[in-house]
N, C-alpha and C. Protein backbone atom coordinates (compact mmCIF):
# COMPACT_ATOMS: atom_id res chain seq x y z
N MET A 1 0.82 -1.19 0.00
CA MET A 1 0.00 0.00 0.00
C MET A 1 0.86 1.26 0.00
N ASN A 2 0.50 2.24 -0.78
CA ASN A 2 1.26 3.48 -0.88
C ASN A 2 0.74 4.48 0.15
N ALA A 3 1.59 4.77 1.15
CA ALA A 3 1.18 5.68 2.23
C ALA A 3 1.31 7.14 1.82
N SER A 4 2.04 7.41 0.76
CA SER A 4 2.24 8.80 0.36
C SER A 4 0.96 9.45 -0.17
N GLY A 5 0.06 8.67 -0.76
CA GLY A 5 -1.21 9.22 -1.28
C GLY A 5 -2.06 9.83 -0.19
N PRO A 6 -2.38 9.08 0.88
CA PRO A 6 -3.18 9.66 1.97
C PRO A 6 -2.46 10.79 2.69
N LEU A 7 -1.15 10.67 2.85
CA LEU A 7 -0.40 11.75 3.51
C LEU A 7 -0.39 13.01 2.68
N LEU A 8 -0.26 12.86 1.38
CA LEU A 8 -0.28 14.01 0.48
C LEU A 8 -1.65 14.69 0.52
N ALA A 9 -2.70 13.88 0.51
CA ALA A 9 -4.07 14.43 0.58
C ALA A 9 -4.29 15.16 1.90
N LEU A 10 -3.78 14.59 2.97
CA LEU A 10 -3.91 15.23 4.29
C LEU A 10 -3.14 16.56 4.32
N ALA A 11 -1.96 16.58 3.73
CA ALA A 11 -1.17 17.81 3.69
C ALA A 11 -1.88 18.88 2.88
N VAL A 12 -2.46 18.51 1.76
CA VAL A 12 -3.19 19.48 0.92
C VAL A 12 -4.39 20.03 1.68
N VAL A 13 -5.11 19.17 2.38
CA VAL A 13 -6.24 19.63 3.18
C VAL A 13 -5.77 20.59 4.27
N GLY A 14 -4.68 20.23 4.94
CA GLY A 14 -4.13 21.09 6.00
C GLY A 14 -3.71 22.46 5.48
N TRP A 15 -2.97 22.48 4.37
CA TRP A 15 -2.54 23.76 3.80
C TRP A 15 -3.73 24.56 3.30
N SER A 16 -4.73 23.87 2.77
CA SER A 16 -5.94 24.56 2.30
C SER A 16 -6.67 25.22 3.47
N LEU A 17 -6.79 24.50 4.57
CA LEU A 17 -7.48 25.06 5.75
C LEU A 17 -6.71 26.24 6.33
N LEU A 18 -5.38 26.13 6.39
CA LEU A 18 -4.58 27.25 6.89
C LEU A 18 -4.72 28.46 5.97
N THR A 19 -4.68 28.21 4.67
CA THR A 19 -4.84 29.31 3.71
C THR A 19 -6.20 29.98 3.89
N LEU A 20 -7.25 29.19 4.04
CA LEU A 20 -8.59 29.75 4.26
C LEU A 20 -8.64 30.55 5.56
N LEU A 21 -7.98 30.06 6.59
CA LEU A 21 -7.93 30.79 7.87
C LEU A 21 -7.25 32.14 7.71
N VAL A 22 -6.12 32.16 7.00
CA VAL A 22 -5.39 33.43 6.81
C VAL A 22 -6.20 34.38 5.93
N VAL A 23 -6.85 33.86 4.91
CA VAL A 23 -7.70 34.69 4.06
C VAL A 23 -8.88 35.24 4.88
N ALA A 24 -9.47 34.41 5.73
CA ALA A 24 -10.57 34.87 6.59
C ALA A 24 -10.08 35.98 7.53
N ALA A 25 -8.88 35.84 8.06
CA ALA A 25 -8.31 36.88 8.91
C ALA A 25 -8.10 38.17 8.11
N ALA A 26 -7.67 38.04 6.85
CA ALA A 26 -7.49 39.22 5.99
C ALA A 26 -8.82 39.91 5.72
N VAL A 27 -9.85 39.13 5.43
CA VAL A 27 -11.18 39.71 5.20
C VAL A 27 -11.67 40.41 6.45
N ALA A 28 -11.49 39.77 7.61
CA ALA A 28 -11.91 40.39 8.87
C ALA A 28 -11.11 41.67 9.13
N ALA A 29 -9.83 41.68 8.77
CA ALA A 29 -9.00 42.88 8.96
C ALA A 29 -9.50 44.04 8.09
N VAL A 30 -9.85 43.74 6.85
CA VAL A 30 -10.39 44.77 5.96
C VAL A 30 -11.73 45.28 6.50
N LEU A 31 -12.59 44.37 6.93
CA LEU A 31 -13.88 44.79 7.50
C LEU A 31 -13.70 45.60 8.78
N ALA A 32 -12.71 45.22 9.59
CA ALA A 32 -12.44 45.97 10.83
C ALA A 32 -11.95 47.37 10.52
N ARG A 33 -11.20 47.52 9.44
CA ARG A 33 -10.71 48.85 9.05
C ARG A 33 -11.86 49.74 8.61
N ARG A 34 -12.87 49.15 7.97
CA ARG A 34 -14.02 49.92 7.48
C ARG A 34 -15.07 50.15 8.56
N SER A 35 -15.05 49.34 9.60
CA SER A 35 -16.06 49.40 10.64
C SER A 35 -15.39 49.72 11.97
N ARG A 36 -16.08 50.43 12.81
CA ARG A 36 -15.55 50.73 14.15
C ARG A 36 -16.11 49.77 15.19
N ARG A 37 -16.71 48.67 14.74
CA ARG A 37 -17.33 47.73 15.66
C ARG A 37 -16.27 46.85 16.32
N THR A 38 -16.36 46.73 17.63
CA THR A 38 -15.40 45.95 18.40
C THR A 38 -15.45 44.48 18.03
N ALA A 39 -16.63 43.96 17.73
CA ALA A 39 -16.76 42.53 17.40
C ALA A 39 -15.97 42.19 16.13
N VAL A 40 -15.99 43.06 15.15
CA VAL A 40 -15.27 42.81 13.90
C VAL A 40 -13.77 42.84 14.16
N LEU A 41 -13.32 43.82 14.95
CA LEU A 41 -11.91 43.90 15.30
C LEU A 41 -11.48 42.68 16.11
N SER A 42 -12.31 42.26 17.04
CA SER A 42 -12.00 41.07 17.84
C SER A 42 -11.88 39.83 16.95
N ALA A 43 -12.75 39.72 15.96
CA ALA A 43 -12.68 38.60 15.02
C ALA A 43 -11.37 38.64 14.24
N ALA A 44 -10.99 39.82 13.76
CA ALA A 44 -9.74 39.96 13.01
C ALA A 44 -8.54 39.57 13.87
N VAL A 45 -8.51 40.06 15.10
CA VAL A 45 -7.39 39.74 15.99
C VAL A 45 -7.39 38.25 16.33
N GLY A 46 -8.56 37.71 16.65
CA GLY A 46 -8.65 36.29 17.00
C GLY A 46 -8.24 35.39 15.85
N LEU A 47 -8.71 35.69 14.64
CA LEU A 47 -8.34 34.87 13.48
C LEU A 47 -6.86 34.98 13.17
N THR A 48 -6.29 36.16 13.37
CA THR A 48 -4.85 36.34 13.12
C THR A 48 -4.02 35.55 14.13
N VAL A 49 -4.41 35.61 15.39
CA VAL A 49 -3.69 34.84 16.42
C VAL A 49 -3.83 33.35 16.15
N LEU A 50 -5.04 32.92 15.80
CA LEU A 50 -5.25 31.51 15.47
C LEU A 50 -4.41 31.10 14.26
N ALA A 51 -4.32 31.98 13.26
CA ALA A 51 -3.50 31.69 12.08
C ALA A 51 -2.03 31.55 12.46
N LEU A 52 -1.56 32.39 13.38
CA LEU A 52 -0.17 32.27 13.85
C LEU A 52 0.06 30.92 14.52
N ILE A 53 -0.88 30.52 15.34
CA ILE A 53 -0.74 29.24 16.06
C ILE A 53 -0.76 28.07 15.07
N VAL A 54 -1.72 28.08 14.17
CA VAL A 54 -1.84 26.98 13.20
C VAL A 54 -0.64 26.97 12.26
N ALA A 55 -0.14 28.13 11.88
CA ALA A 55 1.01 28.20 10.97
C ALA A 55 2.26 27.59 11.61
N ALA A 56 2.31 27.58 12.93
CA ALA A 56 3.46 27.01 13.62
C ALA A 56 3.41 25.49 13.69
N LEU A 57 2.28 24.88 13.34
CA LEU A 57 2.11 23.43 13.48
C LEU A 57 2.69 22.58 12.36
N PRO A 58 2.54 22.94 11.07
CA PRO A 58 3.02 22.04 10.01
C PRO A 58 4.53 21.81 10.10
N PRO A 59 4.94 20.56 9.83
CA PRO A 59 6.36 20.23 9.95
C PRO A 59 7.22 20.68 8.77
N SER A 60 6.61 20.96 7.62
CA SER A 60 7.42 21.31 6.46
C SER A 60 6.87 22.57 5.80
N GLY A 61 7.64 23.11 4.88
CA GLY A 61 7.26 24.34 4.19
C GLY A 61 6.03 24.17 3.31
N ALA A 62 5.31 25.26 3.15
CA ALA A 62 4.10 25.25 2.33
C ALA A 62 4.46 25.14 0.85
N PRO A 63 3.65 24.43 0.08
CA PRO A 63 3.83 24.43 -1.38
C PRO A 63 3.68 25.87 -1.90
N ALA A 64 4.27 26.14 -3.04
CA ALA A 64 4.35 27.50 -3.57
C ALA A 64 3.00 28.20 -3.69
N ALA A 65 1.99 27.52 -4.18
CA ALA A 65 0.67 28.14 -4.36
C ALA A 65 0.08 28.57 -3.03
N PHE A 66 0.20 27.71 -2.02
CA PHE A 66 -0.32 28.05 -0.70
C PHE A 66 0.51 29.18 -0.08
N ALA A 67 1.83 29.09 -0.22
CA ALA A 67 2.71 30.12 0.36
C ALA A 67 2.42 31.49 -0.25
N THR A 68 2.16 31.52 -1.54
CA THR A 68 1.85 32.79 -2.21
C THR A 68 0.54 33.37 -1.70
N ALA A 69 -0.48 32.55 -1.61
CA ALA A 69 -1.78 33.02 -1.11
C ALA A 69 -1.67 33.48 0.34
N ILE A 70 -0.95 32.73 1.15
CA ILE A 70 -0.77 33.11 2.57
C ILE A 70 0.01 34.41 2.68
N THR A 71 1.03 34.58 1.85
CA THR A 71 1.83 35.81 1.89
C THR A 71 0.99 37.03 1.52
N LEU A 72 0.22 36.92 0.47
CA LEU A 72 -0.63 38.05 0.06
C LEU A 72 -1.67 38.37 1.13
N ALA A 73 -2.30 37.34 1.68
CA ALA A 73 -3.30 37.57 2.73
C ALA A 73 -2.65 38.15 3.98
N ALA A 74 -1.46 37.71 4.32
CA ALA A 74 -0.76 38.24 5.50
C ALA A 74 -0.42 39.72 5.30
N LEU A 75 -0.05 40.10 4.10
CA LEU A 75 0.21 41.52 3.83
C LEU A 75 -1.07 42.35 4.00
N VAL A 76 -2.20 41.81 3.57
CA VAL A 76 -3.48 42.50 3.76
C VAL A 76 -3.78 42.62 5.26
N ILE A 77 -3.54 41.55 6.01
CA ILE A 77 -3.74 41.59 7.45
C ILE A 77 -2.87 42.68 8.06
N ALA A 78 -1.60 42.70 7.69
CA ALA A 78 -0.66 43.68 8.26
C ALA A 78 -1.10 45.10 7.97
N VAL A 79 -1.42 45.38 6.72
CA VAL A 79 -1.71 46.75 6.31
C VAL A 79 -3.09 47.19 6.79
N ALA A 80 -4.12 46.44 6.45
CA ALA A 80 -5.49 46.86 6.77
C ALA A 80 -5.82 46.68 8.24
N GLY A 81 -5.40 45.56 8.82
CA GLY A 81 -5.74 45.29 10.21
C GLY A 81 -5.01 46.16 11.21
N GLY A 82 -3.88 46.70 10.82
CA GLY A 82 -3.11 47.53 11.74
C GLY A 82 -3.80 48.83 12.11
N SER A 83 -4.60 49.37 11.21
CA SER A 83 -5.28 50.63 11.52
C SER A 83 -6.27 50.49 12.67
N PRO A 84 -7.20 49.53 12.63
CA PRO A 84 -8.12 49.42 13.76
C PRO A 84 -7.45 48.94 15.04
N VAL A 85 -6.42 48.11 14.92
CA VAL A 85 -5.71 47.66 16.11
C VAL A 85 -5.00 48.84 16.76
N THR A 86 -4.31 49.63 15.96
CA THR A 86 -3.61 50.80 16.49
C THR A 86 -4.59 51.80 17.09
N ARG A 87 -5.71 52.02 16.40
CA ARG A 87 -6.74 52.92 16.91
C ARG A 87 -7.27 52.43 18.26
N ALA A 88 -7.51 51.13 18.38
CA ALA A 88 -8.01 50.56 19.64
C ALA A 88 -7.00 50.77 20.76
N VAL A 89 -5.72 50.59 20.47
CA VAL A 89 -4.69 50.82 21.49
C VAL A 89 -4.64 52.30 21.86
N LEU A 90 -4.65 53.17 20.85
CA LEU A 90 -4.59 54.61 21.12
C LEU A 90 -5.82 55.10 21.88
N ASP A 91 -6.98 54.49 21.64
CA ASP A 91 -8.20 54.88 22.36
C ASP A 91 -8.11 54.56 23.85
N ARG A 92 -7.24 53.63 24.21
CA ARG A 92 -7.09 53.27 25.61
C ARG A 92 -6.05 54.11 26.34
N VAL A 93 -5.40 54.99 25.61
CA VAL A 93 -4.39 55.88 26.18
C VAL A 93 -4.98 57.28 26.23
N THR A 94 -4.82 57.94 27.35
CA THR A 94 -5.36 59.29 27.50
C THR A 94 -4.32 60.31 27.06
N PHE A 95 -4.75 61.27 26.24
CA PHE A 95 -3.88 62.34 25.79
C PHE A 95 -4.42 63.67 26.29
N ASP A 96 -3.52 64.61 26.50
CA ASP A 96 -3.93 65.93 27.00
C ASP A 96 -4.62 66.77 25.93
N GLU A 97 -4.20 66.62 24.69
CA GLU A 97 -4.74 67.42 23.60
C GLU A 97 -5.91 66.71 22.93
N PRO A 98 -6.92 67.49 22.49
CA PRO A 98 -8.04 66.87 21.76
C PRO A 98 -7.60 66.48 20.35
N GLU A 99 -8.35 65.54 19.76
CA GLU A 99 -8.04 65.07 18.42
C GLU A 99 -8.60 66.05 17.40
N GLY A 100 -7.84 66.28 16.32
CA GLY A 100 -8.25 67.19 15.27
C GLY A 100 -9.07 66.50 14.19
N ALA A 101 -9.49 67.26 13.23
CA ALA A 101 -10.34 66.76 12.14
C ALA A 101 -9.63 65.74 11.25
N HIS A 102 -8.31 65.78 11.21
CA HIS A 102 -7.54 64.88 10.34
C HIS A 102 -6.86 63.75 11.12
N GLY A 103 -7.31 63.50 12.34
CA GLY A 103 -6.79 62.40 13.13
C GLY A 103 -5.57 62.72 13.97
N GLY A 104 -5.05 63.93 13.88
CA GLY A 104 -3.90 64.32 14.69
C GLY A 104 -4.35 64.90 16.02
N LEU A 105 -3.41 65.40 16.78
CA LEU A 105 -3.72 66.05 18.05
C LEU A 105 -3.65 67.56 17.88
N LEU A 106 -4.59 68.26 18.51
CA LEU A 106 -4.59 69.72 18.44
C LEU A 106 -3.67 70.29 19.50
N ALA A 107 -2.73 71.11 19.07
CA ALA A 107 -1.83 71.79 20.00
C ALA A 107 -2.56 72.99 20.59
N SER A 108 -1.99 73.57 21.62
CA SER A 108 -2.64 74.70 22.30
C SER A 108 -2.81 75.90 21.37
N ASP A 109 -1.97 76.02 20.34
CA ASP A 109 -2.08 77.13 19.40
C ASP A 109 -3.00 76.81 18.22
N GLY A 110 -3.69 75.66 18.24
CA GLY A 110 -4.65 75.31 17.20
C GLY A 110 -4.09 74.47 16.06
N ARG A 111 -2.76 74.29 16.00
CA ARG A 111 -2.17 73.46 14.95
C ARG A 111 -2.50 71.99 15.21
N GLU A 112 -2.67 71.25 14.13
CA GLU A 112 -2.91 69.81 14.26
C GLU A 112 -1.59 69.08 14.04
N LEU A 113 -1.16 68.36 15.07
CA LEU A 113 0.10 67.62 15.03
C LEU A 113 -0.17 66.14 14.75
N LEU A 114 0.74 65.50 14.08
CA LEU A 114 0.66 64.08 13.72
C LEU A 114 -0.51 63.77 12.79
N ARG A 115 -0.92 64.76 11.99
CA ARG A 115 -1.98 64.49 11.02
C ARG A 115 -1.43 63.60 9.92
N GLY A 116 -2.31 62.88 9.29
CA GLY A 116 -1.90 61.96 8.23
C GLY A 116 -1.38 60.63 8.74
N GLY A 117 -1.55 60.37 10.02
CA GLY A 117 -1.04 59.15 10.60
C GLY A 117 -1.64 57.88 10.03
N GLU A 118 -2.88 57.96 9.59
CA GLU A 118 -3.55 56.79 9.01
C GLU A 118 -2.84 56.33 7.74
N VAL A 119 -2.58 57.25 6.84
CA VAL A 119 -1.91 56.90 5.57
C VAL A 119 -0.47 56.50 5.83
N ILE A 120 0.20 57.23 6.69
CA ILE A 120 1.59 56.88 7.03
C ILE A 120 1.63 55.49 7.63
N GLY A 121 0.65 55.17 8.48
CA GLY A 121 0.60 53.85 9.11
C GLY A 121 0.42 52.73 8.10
N LEU A 122 -0.44 52.96 7.10
CA LEU A 122 -0.64 51.94 6.06
C LEU A 122 0.67 51.65 5.33
N LEU A 123 1.35 52.71 4.92
CA LEU A 123 2.62 52.54 4.21
C LEU A 123 3.69 51.93 5.12
N GLU A 124 3.72 52.37 6.35
CA GLU A 124 4.70 51.88 7.31
C GLU A 124 4.53 50.38 7.56
N ARG A 125 3.28 49.94 7.77
CA ARG A 125 3.04 48.52 8.01
C ARG A 125 3.38 47.68 6.78
N PHE A 126 3.11 48.20 5.59
CA PHE A 126 3.49 47.48 4.37
C PHE A 126 5.01 47.33 4.31
N ALA A 127 5.72 48.39 4.63
CA ALA A 127 7.19 48.35 4.61
C ALA A 127 7.73 47.40 5.68
N VAL A 128 7.16 47.45 6.88
CA VAL A 128 7.63 46.59 7.97
C VAL A 128 7.37 45.13 7.65
N ALA A 129 6.13 44.79 7.28
CA ALA A 129 5.81 43.40 6.95
C ALA A 129 6.62 42.93 5.74
N GLY A 130 6.74 43.78 4.74
CA GLY A 130 7.51 43.42 3.55
C GLY A 130 8.97 43.16 3.86
N ALA A 131 9.56 43.99 4.71
CA ALA A 131 10.96 43.81 5.09
C ALA A 131 11.17 42.51 5.85
N ILE A 132 10.24 42.19 6.73
CA ILE A 132 10.35 40.95 7.50
C ILE A 132 10.17 39.74 6.59
N ILE A 133 9.16 39.78 5.74
CA ILE A 133 8.90 38.66 4.83
C ILE A 133 10.06 38.47 3.86
N ALA A 134 10.63 39.57 3.38
CA ALA A 134 11.75 39.49 2.43
C ALA A 134 13.06 39.09 3.10
N GLY A 135 13.07 39.05 4.43
CA GLY A 135 14.30 38.70 5.13
C GLY A 135 15.32 39.82 5.12
N PHE A 136 14.83 41.05 5.12
CA PHE A 136 15.71 42.23 5.08
C PHE A 136 15.43 43.12 6.29
N PRO A 137 15.79 42.67 7.50
CA PRO A 137 15.48 43.43 8.71
C PRO A 137 16.18 44.79 8.79
N ASP A 138 17.25 44.97 8.03
CA ASP A 138 17.92 46.28 8.04
C ASP A 138 16.99 47.38 7.55
N ALA A 139 16.03 47.02 6.71
CA ALA A 139 15.08 48.01 6.20
C ALA A 139 14.23 48.60 7.32
N LEU A 140 14.06 47.87 8.41
CA LEU A 140 13.28 48.39 9.54
C LEU A 140 13.93 49.64 10.12
N ALA A 141 15.25 49.67 10.15
CA ALA A 141 15.96 50.86 10.64
C ALA A 141 15.70 52.05 9.73
N VAL A 142 15.64 51.80 8.44
CA VAL A 142 15.36 52.87 7.49
C VAL A 142 13.94 53.40 7.69
N VAL A 143 12.98 52.50 7.87
CA VAL A 143 11.58 52.92 8.07
C VAL A 143 11.45 53.78 9.32
N ILE A 144 12.03 53.36 10.43
CA ILE A 144 11.90 54.13 11.67
C ILE A 144 12.67 55.44 11.57
N ALA A 145 13.78 55.45 10.84
CA ALA A 145 14.53 56.70 10.67
C ALA A 145 13.72 57.71 9.86
N ILE A 146 13.12 57.26 8.78
CA ILE A 146 12.29 58.15 7.96
C ILE A 146 11.13 58.70 8.79
N LYS A 147 10.49 57.82 9.55
CA LYS A 147 9.35 58.26 10.35
C LYS A 147 9.79 59.25 11.42
N GLY A 148 10.88 58.96 12.10
CA GLY A 148 11.37 59.84 13.15
C GLY A 148 11.79 61.21 12.63
N VAL A 149 12.51 61.22 11.53
CA VAL A 149 12.95 62.49 10.94
C VAL A 149 11.75 63.28 10.44
N GLY A 150 10.81 62.59 9.82
CA GLY A 150 9.62 63.27 9.29
C GLY A 150 8.73 63.86 10.37
N ARG A 151 8.69 63.26 11.54
CA ARG A 151 7.81 63.73 12.62
C ARG A 151 8.54 64.52 13.70
N PHE A 152 9.85 64.63 13.60
CA PHE A 152 10.66 65.22 14.67
C PHE A 152 10.14 66.58 15.13
N THR A 153 9.82 67.47 14.22
CA THR A 153 9.41 68.82 14.61
C THR A 153 8.06 68.85 15.28
N GLU A 154 7.27 67.78 15.16
CA GLU A 154 5.94 67.75 15.78
C GLU A 154 5.95 67.15 17.18
N LEU A 155 7.04 66.57 17.60
CA LEU A 155 7.11 65.87 18.87
C LEU A 155 7.43 66.83 20.02
N GLU A 156 6.64 67.89 20.13
CA GLU A 156 6.95 68.94 21.08
C GLU A 156 6.32 68.77 22.45
N THR A 157 5.25 68.01 22.57
CA THR A 157 4.61 67.82 23.88
C THR A 157 4.67 66.35 24.27
N GLY A 158 4.50 66.10 25.55
CA GLY A 158 4.51 64.73 26.05
C GLY A 158 3.41 63.88 25.43
N ALA A 159 2.22 64.46 25.28
CA ALA A 159 1.10 63.71 24.71
C ALA A 159 1.37 63.32 23.26
N VAL A 160 1.96 64.21 22.51
CA VAL A 160 2.26 63.92 21.10
C VAL A 160 3.34 62.85 21.01
N ARG A 161 4.37 62.97 21.84
CA ARG A 161 5.43 61.94 21.84
C ARG A 161 4.86 60.58 22.25
N GLU A 162 4.00 60.59 23.26
CA GLU A 162 3.39 59.34 23.73
C GLU A 162 2.54 58.70 22.63
N ARG A 163 1.73 59.50 21.98
CA ARG A 163 0.89 58.98 20.89
C ARG A 163 1.76 58.43 19.76
N PHE A 164 2.83 59.13 19.43
CA PHE A 164 3.75 58.69 18.38
C PHE A 164 4.36 57.34 18.73
N ILE A 165 4.84 57.19 19.93
CA ILE A 165 5.50 55.95 20.35
C ILE A 165 4.50 54.81 20.47
N VAL A 166 3.38 55.05 21.14
CA VAL A 166 2.38 54.00 21.32
C VAL A 166 1.82 53.55 19.97
N GLY A 167 1.48 54.50 19.12
CA GLY A 167 0.94 54.17 17.80
C GLY A 167 1.93 53.41 16.95
N THR A 168 3.18 53.84 16.97
CA THR A 168 4.21 53.17 16.18
C THR A 168 4.43 51.74 16.67
N LEU A 169 4.53 51.56 17.98
CA LEU A 169 4.76 50.22 18.51
C LEU A 169 3.58 49.29 18.23
N ALA A 170 2.36 49.77 18.42
CA ALA A 170 1.18 48.94 18.14
C ALA A 170 1.15 48.55 16.67
N SER A 171 1.43 49.51 15.80
CA SER A 171 1.42 49.27 14.37
C SER A 171 2.49 48.25 13.97
N TRP A 172 3.70 48.40 14.50
CA TRP A 172 4.80 47.51 14.15
C TRP A 172 4.57 46.10 14.70
N ILE A 173 4.05 45.99 15.91
CA ILE A 173 3.79 44.67 16.49
C ILE A 173 2.77 43.93 15.65
N TRP A 174 1.72 44.64 15.23
CA TRP A 174 0.71 44.01 14.39
C TRP A 174 1.31 43.56 13.05
N ALA A 175 2.07 44.43 12.41
CA ALA A 175 2.68 44.09 11.12
C ALA A 175 3.65 42.91 11.27
N ALA A 176 4.41 42.89 12.34
CA ALA A 176 5.36 41.79 12.57
C ALA A 176 4.62 40.48 12.82
N ALA A 177 3.50 40.53 13.54
CA ALA A 177 2.71 39.32 13.78
C ALA A 177 2.17 38.76 12.46
N ALA A 178 1.65 39.64 11.61
CA ALA A 178 1.14 39.19 10.32
C ALA A 178 2.26 38.61 9.47
N ALA A 179 3.41 39.25 9.46
CA ALA A 179 4.57 38.73 8.71
C ALA A 179 5.05 37.41 9.31
N GLY A 180 4.89 37.24 10.61
CA GLY A 180 5.27 36.01 11.26
C GLY A 180 4.54 34.80 10.73
N ILE A 181 3.30 34.99 10.31
CA ILE A 181 2.54 33.88 9.72
C ILE A 181 3.30 33.35 8.49
N VAL A 182 3.78 34.26 7.69
CA VAL A 182 4.51 33.87 6.47
C VAL A 182 5.81 33.16 6.82
N LEU A 183 6.53 33.69 7.79
CA LEU A 183 7.80 33.06 8.17
C LEU A 183 7.58 31.65 8.71
N LEU A 184 6.47 31.43 9.39
CA LEU A 184 6.19 30.11 9.96
C LEU A 184 5.83 29.06 8.91
N VAL A 185 5.30 29.48 7.78
CA VAL A 185 4.90 28.50 6.76
C VAL A 185 6.01 28.21 5.75
N ARG A 186 7.10 28.88 5.87
CA ARG A 186 8.20 28.64 4.92
C ARG A 186 8.91 27.35 5.22
């Protein structure tokens, strides 16, 4: 009897289920970005954590088709899911300044600091996850240097610095977790 046939079928089923799980996490991440509902965000986070756990289980690397689908879905998780996750973390931190119309903090003189953080965050998470997936961790230093230099003049108050640090760390942790799924299936 040839044991490789049933084992191959089992492996295909396993990789298919993991791919579906990662794609479901990506869909939930996109929906969480569009919705401010906690349940949708919780689903995205839960599916992503479950995908990380399941990705750590297979003993060998994913076949190319599955690895490609998982990589693309993980990038969607990193980029889209990071916005609601970062927002949820920032909502739990108290800042002295009120939030402005463009998502930044209002300074005492009426200027809006750290505006455009949503778009910067999307690009930043893509760069972070991409650097990790590509195996080029040196690029992370470039990303943080660009962000720090670009925001340096706005980091004038404690609340702004705190928001910058908390938001950046939450965003990077999320992107690294999503990229971790890809590293685990290789």
